[in-house]
N, C-alpha and C. Protein backbone atom coordinates (compact mmCIF):
# COMPACT_ATOMS: atom_id res chain seq x y z
N MET A 1 170.53 -122.53 -5.02
CA MET A 1 169.10 -122.36 -5.13
C MET A 1 168.42 -123.67 -4.74
N MET A 2 167.33 -123.55 -4.03
CA MET A 2 166.61 -124.73 -3.57
C MET A 2 165.30 -124.89 -4.32
N SER A 3 164.75 -126.08 -4.24
CA SER A 3 163.43 -126.37 -4.78
C SER A 3 162.51 -126.69 -3.60
N VAL A 4 161.23 -126.86 -3.88
CA VAL A 4 160.27 -127.14 -2.81
C VAL A 4 159.45 -128.38 -3.14
N TYR A 5 159.07 -129.12 -2.12
CA TYR A 5 158.24 -130.32 -2.28
C TYR A 5 156.77 -129.94 -2.41
N GLY A 6 156.07 -130.58 -3.32
CA GLY A 6 154.62 -130.50 -3.38
C GLY A 6 154.00 -129.19 -3.80
N CYS A 7 154.72 -128.35 -4.50
CA CYS A 7 154.18 -127.07 -4.95
C CYS A 7 154.33 -126.97 -6.46
N ARG A 8 153.25 -127.21 -7.17
CA ARG A 8 153.30 -127.18 -8.64
C ARG A 8 153.36 -125.77 -9.18
N THR A 9 152.80 -124.81 -8.41
CA THR A 9 152.80 -123.41 -8.83
C THR A 9 153.25 -122.54 -7.67
N LYS A 10 153.57 -121.30 -7.99
CA LYS A 10 153.94 -120.34 -6.95
C LYS A 10 152.74 -120.08 -6.03
N LYS A 11 151.56 -120.14 -6.58
CA LYS A 11 150.34 -119.97 -5.78
C LYS A 11 150.22 -121.08 -4.74
N ASP A 12 150.57 -122.31 -5.12
CA ASP A 12 150.58 -123.42 -4.16
C ASP A 12 151.56 -123.16 -3.03
N LEU A 13 152.72 -122.61 -3.37
CA LEU A 13 153.73 -122.29 -2.36
C LEU A 13 153.20 -121.24 -1.39
N LYS A 14 152.48 -120.26 -1.90
CA LYS A 14 151.93 -119.20 -1.04
C LYS A 14 150.93 -119.75 -0.02
N THR A 15 150.29 -120.87 -0.32
CA THR A 15 149.36 -121.48 0.64
C THR A 15 150.11 -122.17 1.78
N LYS A 16 151.41 -122.34 1.64
CA LYS A 16 152.22 -123.00 2.68
C LYS A 16 152.75 -122.03 3.73
N VAL A 17 152.38 -120.76 3.66
CA VAL A 17 152.79 -119.80 4.68
C VAL A 17 152.29 -120.30 6.03
N GLY A 18 153.20 -120.33 7.01
CA GLY A 18 152.86 -120.82 8.34
C GLY A 18 153.31 -122.25 8.59
N THR A 19 153.76 -122.94 7.55
CA THR A 19 154.23 -124.32 7.73
C THR A 19 155.74 -124.34 7.90
N GLY A 20 156.25 -125.45 8.39
CA GLY A 20 157.68 -125.60 8.61
C GLY A 20 158.46 -125.63 7.31
N ALA A 21 159.50 -124.82 7.23
CA ALA A 21 160.27 -124.70 6.00
C ALA A 21 161.21 -125.87 5.78
N GLU A 22 161.76 -126.42 6.84
CA GLU A 22 162.77 -127.47 6.70
C GLU A 22 162.23 -128.71 5.99
N SER A 23 160.98 -129.04 6.24
CA SER A 23 160.39 -130.22 5.60
C SER A 23 159.94 -129.94 4.17
N LEU A 24 159.90 -128.67 3.79
CA LEU A 24 159.41 -128.28 2.47
C LEU A 24 160.55 -128.08 1.47
N PHE A 25 161.71 -127.66 1.93
CA PHE A 25 162.83 -127.35 1.03
C PHE A 25 163.55 -128.60 0.57
N LEU A 26 164.00 -128.57 -0.68
CA LEU A 26 164.80 -129.63 -1.27
C LEU A 26 166.13 -129.01 -1.69
N GLU A 27 167.20 -129.46 -1.06
CA GLU A 27 168.54 -128.92 -1.35
C GLU A 27 168.99 -129.37 -2.74
N THR A 28 169.51 -128.44 -3.54
CA THR A 28 169.99 -128.77 -4.88
C THR A 28 171.44 -128.36 -5.12
N SER A 29 172.07 -127.74 -4.14
CA SER A 29 173.42 -127.23 -4.31
C SER A 29 174.46 -128.35 -4.23
N LEU A 30 175.47 -128.25 -5.05
CA LEU A 30 176.60 -129.18 -5.00
C LEU A 30 177.60 -128.77 -3.92
N PHE A 31 177.44 -127.59 -3.37
CA PHE A 31 178.41 -127.03 -2.44
C PHE A 31 177.97 -127.09 -0.98
N GLY A 32 177.01 -127.95 -0.66
CA GLY A 32 176.57 -128.09 0.72
C GLY A 32 175.18 -127.50 0.93
N ALA A 33 174.70 -127.65 2.15
CA ALA A 33 173.34 -127.21 2.50
C ALA A 33 173.21 -125.69 2.44
N GLU A 34 172.13 -125.24 1.85
CA GLU A 34 171.86 -123.81 1.77
C GLU A 34 170.95 -123.35 2.91
N TYR A 35 170.06 -124.24 3.36
CA TYR A 35 169.13 -123.86 4.42
C TYR A 35 169.85 -123.84 5.75
N LYS A 36 169.89 -122.68 6.39
CA LYS A 36 170.61 -122.52 7.64
C LYS A 36 169.75 -121.83 8.70
N GLY A 37 168.42 -121.98 8.62
CA GLY A 37 167.55 -121.37 9.62
C GLY A 37 166.86 -120.12 9.11
N PRO A 38 166.55 -119.20 10.01
CA PRO A 38 165.82 -117.99 9.62
C PRO A 38 166.56 -117.18 8.56
N GLY A 39 165.79 -116.59 7.64
CA GLY A 39 166.38 -115.77 6.59
C GLY A 39 165.55 -115.81 5.32
N ARG A 40 166.13 -115.31 4.23
CA ARG A 40 165.46 -115.31 2.93
C ARG A 40 166.19 -116.25 1.99
N TYR A 41 165.40 -117.02 1.23
CA TYR A 41 165.95 -118.03 0.34
C TYR A 41 165.30 -117.96 -1.04
N ALA A 42 166.12 -118.17 -2.06
CA ALA A 42 165.62 -118.25 -3.43
C ALA A 42 165.26 -119.71 -3.70
N VAL A 43 164.07 -119.93 -4.26
CA VAL A 43 163.61 -121.29 -4.56
C VAL A 43 163.09 -121.34 -6.00
N VAL A 44 163.07 -122.55 -6.55
CA VAL A 44 162.55 -122.78 -7.90
C VAL A 44 161.48 -123.86 -7.83
N GLY A 45 160.66 -123.90 -8.84
CA GLY A 45 159.63 -124.94 -8.88
C GLY A 45 159.18 -125.18 -10.29
N PRO A 46 158.49 -126.22 -10.53
CA PRO A 46 157.97 -127.21 -9.59
C PRO A 46 158.98 -128.28 -9.21
N SER A 47 160.15 -128.33 -9.86
CA SER A 47 161.18 -129.30 -9.49
C SER A 47 162.55 -128.69 -9.80
N PRO A 48 163.62 -129.28 -9.27
CA PRO A 48 164.94 -128.73 -9.53
C PRO A 48 165.34 -128.76 -11.00
N THR A 49 164.81 -129.71 -11.76
CA THR A 49 165.18 -129.82 -13.17
C THR A 49 164.21 -129.11 -14.10
N LYS A 50 163.00 -128.90 -13.66
CA LYS A 50 161.99 -128.19 -14.46
C LYS A 50 161.69 -126.87 -13.76
N ARG A 51 162.45 -125.85 -14.12
CA ARG A 51 162.34 -124.55 -13.45
C ARG A 51 161.37 -123.65 -14.21
N VAL A 52 160.13 -123.64 -13.74
CA VAL A 52 159.08 -122.85 -14.37
C VAL A 52 158.87 -121.53 -13.65
N TRP A 53 158.97 -121.54 -12.34
CA TRP A 53 158.77 -120.33 -11.55
C TRP A 53 159.85 -120.20 -10.48
N TYR A 54 160.06 -118.97 -10.05
CA TYR A 54 161.04 -118.66 -9.02
C TYR A 54 160.35 -117.86 -7.93
N ALA A 55 160.83 -117.97 -6.70
CA ALA A 55 160.24 -117.23 -5.60
C ALA A 55 161.30 -116.96 -4.54
N GLU A 56 161.04 -115.97 -3.71
CA GLU A 56 161.86 -115.70 -2.54
C GLU A 56 161.02 -116.03 -1.32
N VAL A 57 161.53 -116.92 -0.47
CA VAL A 57 160.80 -117.37 0.70
C VAL A 57 161.49 -116.82 1.94
N THR A 58 160.72 -116.18 2.81
CA THR A 58 161.24 -115.67 4.07
C THR A 58 160.85 -116.63 5.18
N VAL A 59 161.85 -117.07 5.94
CA VAL A 59 161.63 -118.01 7.04
C VAL A 59 161.86 -117.25 8.35
N GLY A 60 160.89 -117.37 9.26
CA GLY A 60 160.97 -116.69 10.54
C GLY A 60 161.85 -117.42 11.54
N ALA A 61 162.01 -116.83 12.73
CA ALA A 61 162.87 -117.38 13.78
C ALA A 61 162.39 -118.74 14.26
N ASP A 62 161.10 -119.02 14.12
CA ASP A 62 160.55 -120.31 14.57
C ASP A 62 160.66 -121.41 13.51
N GLY A 63 161.24 -121.07 12.33
CA GLY A 63 161.44 -122.06 11.28
C GLY A 63 160.26 -122.22 10.34
N HIS A 64 159.26 -121.36 10.48
CA HIS A 64 158.07 -121.41 9.62
C HIS A 64 158.15 -120.36 8.53
N ILE A 65 157.51 -120.64 7.40
CA ILE A 65 157.50 -119.70 6.29
C ILE A 65 156.62 -118.50 6.67
N VAL A 66 157.19 -117.32 6.53
CA VAL A 66 156.51 -116.08 6.90
C VAL A 66 155.94 -115.37 5.66
N LYS A 67 156.74 -115.40 4.56
CA LYS A 67 156.35 -114.64 3.36
C LYS A 67 156.89 -115.33 2.12
N VAL A 68 156.11 -115.26 1.05
CA VAL A 68 156.54 -115.75 -0.27
C VAL A 68 156.34 -114.61 -1.26
N SER A 69 157.41 -114.25 -1.95
CA SER A 69 157.29 -113.18 -2.96
C SER A 69 158.02 -113.56 -4.23
């Protein structure tokens, strides 16, 4: 599961639709990188240690966030 930079709430994350996902994601896995390009990813926020909200982020073929649910 990954975390995201600069998003205190899930609503803040939803405003990032259209921005590049690679610069926004923070890897938290001990088993290697989870972000591998286009696809759907589970994220937590507002930080990896303080998990208040969860979201599923869809990343398009161009590497930009398409949807947050």
